Protein backbone atom coordinates (compact mmCIF):
# COMPACT_ATOMS: atom_id res chain seq x y z
CA MET A 1 0.00 0.00 0.00
CA ASN A 2 2.88 2.38 0.57
CA THR A 3 3.68 2.24 -3.13
CA LEU A 4 0.10 3.18 -4.03
CA ARG A 5 0.13 6.10 -1.63
CA TYR A 6 3.52 7.27 -2.89
CA VAL A 7 2.48 7.13 -6.55
CA LEU A 8 -0.82 8.84 -5.79
CA GLY A 9 0.96 11.68 -3.99
CA LEU A 10 3.45 11.99 -6.82
CA LEU A 11 0.72 12.13 -9.48
CA LEU A 12 -1.32 14.64 -7.50
CA GLY A 13 1.81 16.74 -7.05
CA PHE A 14 1.95 17.14 -10.83
CA ALA A 15 -1.76 17.03 -11.70
CA LEU A 16 -3.18 19.52 -9.20
CA PRO A 17 -0.81 22.41 -9.99
CA TYR A 18 -1.20 21.67 -13.70
CA ALA A 19 -5.00 21.77 -13.44
CA VAL A 20 -4.97 25.04 -11.49
CA GLN A 21 -2.43 26.65 -13.81
CA ARG A 22 -4.28 25.44 -16.92
CA TRP A 23 -7.54 26.87 -15.57
CA ASP A 24 -5.80 30.15 -14.71
CA ARG A 25 -4.09 30.32 -18.10
CA GLY A 26 -7.48 30.14 -19.80
CA ARG A 27 -8.63 33.17 -17.81
CA LEU A 28 -5.61 35.33 -18.67
CA PRO A 29 -5.86 38.08 -21.28
CA PRO A 30 -3.96 37.26 -24.49
CA HIS A 31 -1.12 39.73 -23.85
CA ILE A 32 -0.38 38.20 -20.44
CA ARG A 33 -0.84 34.65 -21.71
CA ALA A 34 1.77 35.38 -24.38
CA GLY A 35 4.29 36.19 -21.63
CA ALA A 36 3.51 33.09 -19.57
CA TRP A 37 5.68 29.99 -19.61
CA ASN A 38 6.05 28.08 -22.85
CA THR A 39 5.33 24.35 -22.81
CA ALA A 40 8.90 23.31 -22.01
CA SER A 41 9.28 25.78 -19.15
CA TRP A 42 5.86 24.91 -17.81
CA GLY A 43 6.62 21.19 -17.84
CA ALA A 44 10.01 21.72 -16.25
CA ALA A 45 8.50 23.82 -13.46
CA LEU A 46 5.84 21.22 -12.75
CA TYR A 47 8.37 18.38 -12.81
CA GLY A 48 11.01 20.18 -10.78
CA PHE A 49 8.89 21.95 -8.21
CA GLY A 50 5.42 20.37 -8.24
CA PRO A 51 3.06 22.40 -6.06
CA LEU A 52 5.77 24.98 -5.40
CA SER A 53 5.58 25.89 -9.10
CA MET A 54 2.52 27.96 -8.12
CA ILE A 55 4.88 30.61 -6.74
CA GLY A 56 6.68 30.88 -10.07
CA TRP A 57 3.42 30.71 -12.02
CA LEU A 58 1.94 33.65 -10.14
CA TRP A 59 5.19 35.56 -10.43
CA VAL A 60 5.43 35.10 -14.19
CA THR A 61 1.77 35.79 -14.94
CA ARG A 62 1.03 38.55 -12.42
CA HIS A 63 4.26 40.45 -11.82
CA ASP A 64 4.48 43.80 -13.61
CA PHE A 65 7.44 45.43 -11.89
CA TRP A 66 7.94 48.47 -14.10
CA THR A 67 4.30 49.46 -14.19
CA TRP A 68 4.08 49.09 -10.42
CA ARG A 69 7.28 51.09 -9.99
CA ARG A 70 5.99 53.99 -12.08
CA ARG A 71 2.57 53.99 -10.46
CA ASP A 72 3.26 53.05 -6.83
CA GLY A 73 6.88 53.90 -6.17
CA ARG A 74 9.35 51.69 -4.35
CA LEU A 75 7.28 50.92 -1.27
CA GLY A 76 4.15 50.09 -3.27
CA THR A 77 6.16 47.86 -5.56
CA LEU A 78 7.74 46.08 -2.61
CA LEU A 79 4.35 45.52 -0.96
CA ARG A 80 2.77 44.24 -4.18
CA THR A 81 5.71 41.90 -4.75
CA LEU A 82 5.52 40.53 -1.21
CA ALA A 83 1.74 40.09 -1.52
CA LEU A 84 2.22 38.20 -4.77
CA LEU A 85 4.76 35.88 -3.17
CA VAL A 86 2.47 35.28 -0.19
CA VAL A 87 -0.41 34.34 -2.51
CA GLY A 88 1.91 31.91 -4.32
CA VAL A 89 2.97 30.32 -1.05
CA LEU A 90 -0.67 30.04 0.06
CA ALA A 91 -1.68 28.44 -3.25
CA SER A 92 1.15 25.91 -2.84
CA ALA A 93 0.09 25.24 0.76
CA VAL A 94 -3.50 24.57 -0.30
CA ILE A 95 -2.33 22.10 -2.94
CA PHE A 96 -0.06 20.38 -0.40
CA ALA A 97 -2.99 20.19 2.03
CA VAL A 98 -5.18 18.54 -0.60
CA ILE A 99 -2.45 16.00 -1.34
CA VAL A 100 -2.04 15.20 2.37
CA ALA A 101 -5.82 14.90 2.82
CA VAL A 102 -6.12 12.51 -0.13
CA ASP A 103 -3.21 10.47 1.21
CA ALA A 104 -4.83 10.27 4.64
CA LEU A 105 -8.15 9.29 3.09
CA VAL A 106 -6.55 6.52 1.01
CA GLY A 107 -4.62 5.35 4.06
CA ALA A 108 -7.82 5.19 6.11
CA LEU A 109 -9.75 3.40 3.36
CA VAL A 110 -7.16 0.67 2.89
CA GLY A 111 -6.36 0.43 6.59
CA ALA A 112 -2.66 1.18 6.14
CA PRO A 113 -0.75 2.07 9.30
CA GLU A 114 0.70 5.55 9.51
């Protein structure tokens, strides 16, 4: 059963961020979508970082440093950047929590010891 739980966690670690990022990509305006990751970069981020790729995804698709700098100054830019990173960390944490919950549910259903 440990193998099943490991593989399930591994697959969810790729599939959940991909599903969220794919859904988000469909909502982006064309000019922002054009600046998002290409297929190779996207795949590498998902493979290399799994749920933590949400931080990079939000950074690439939402960060507009120069516009923020002109409009909000240094402090506003710093606060927006920190807020963006916090949202990325929270999105990653939610995905990790879902993976842990599914693992616990599978473990309880098959009666595997912790």
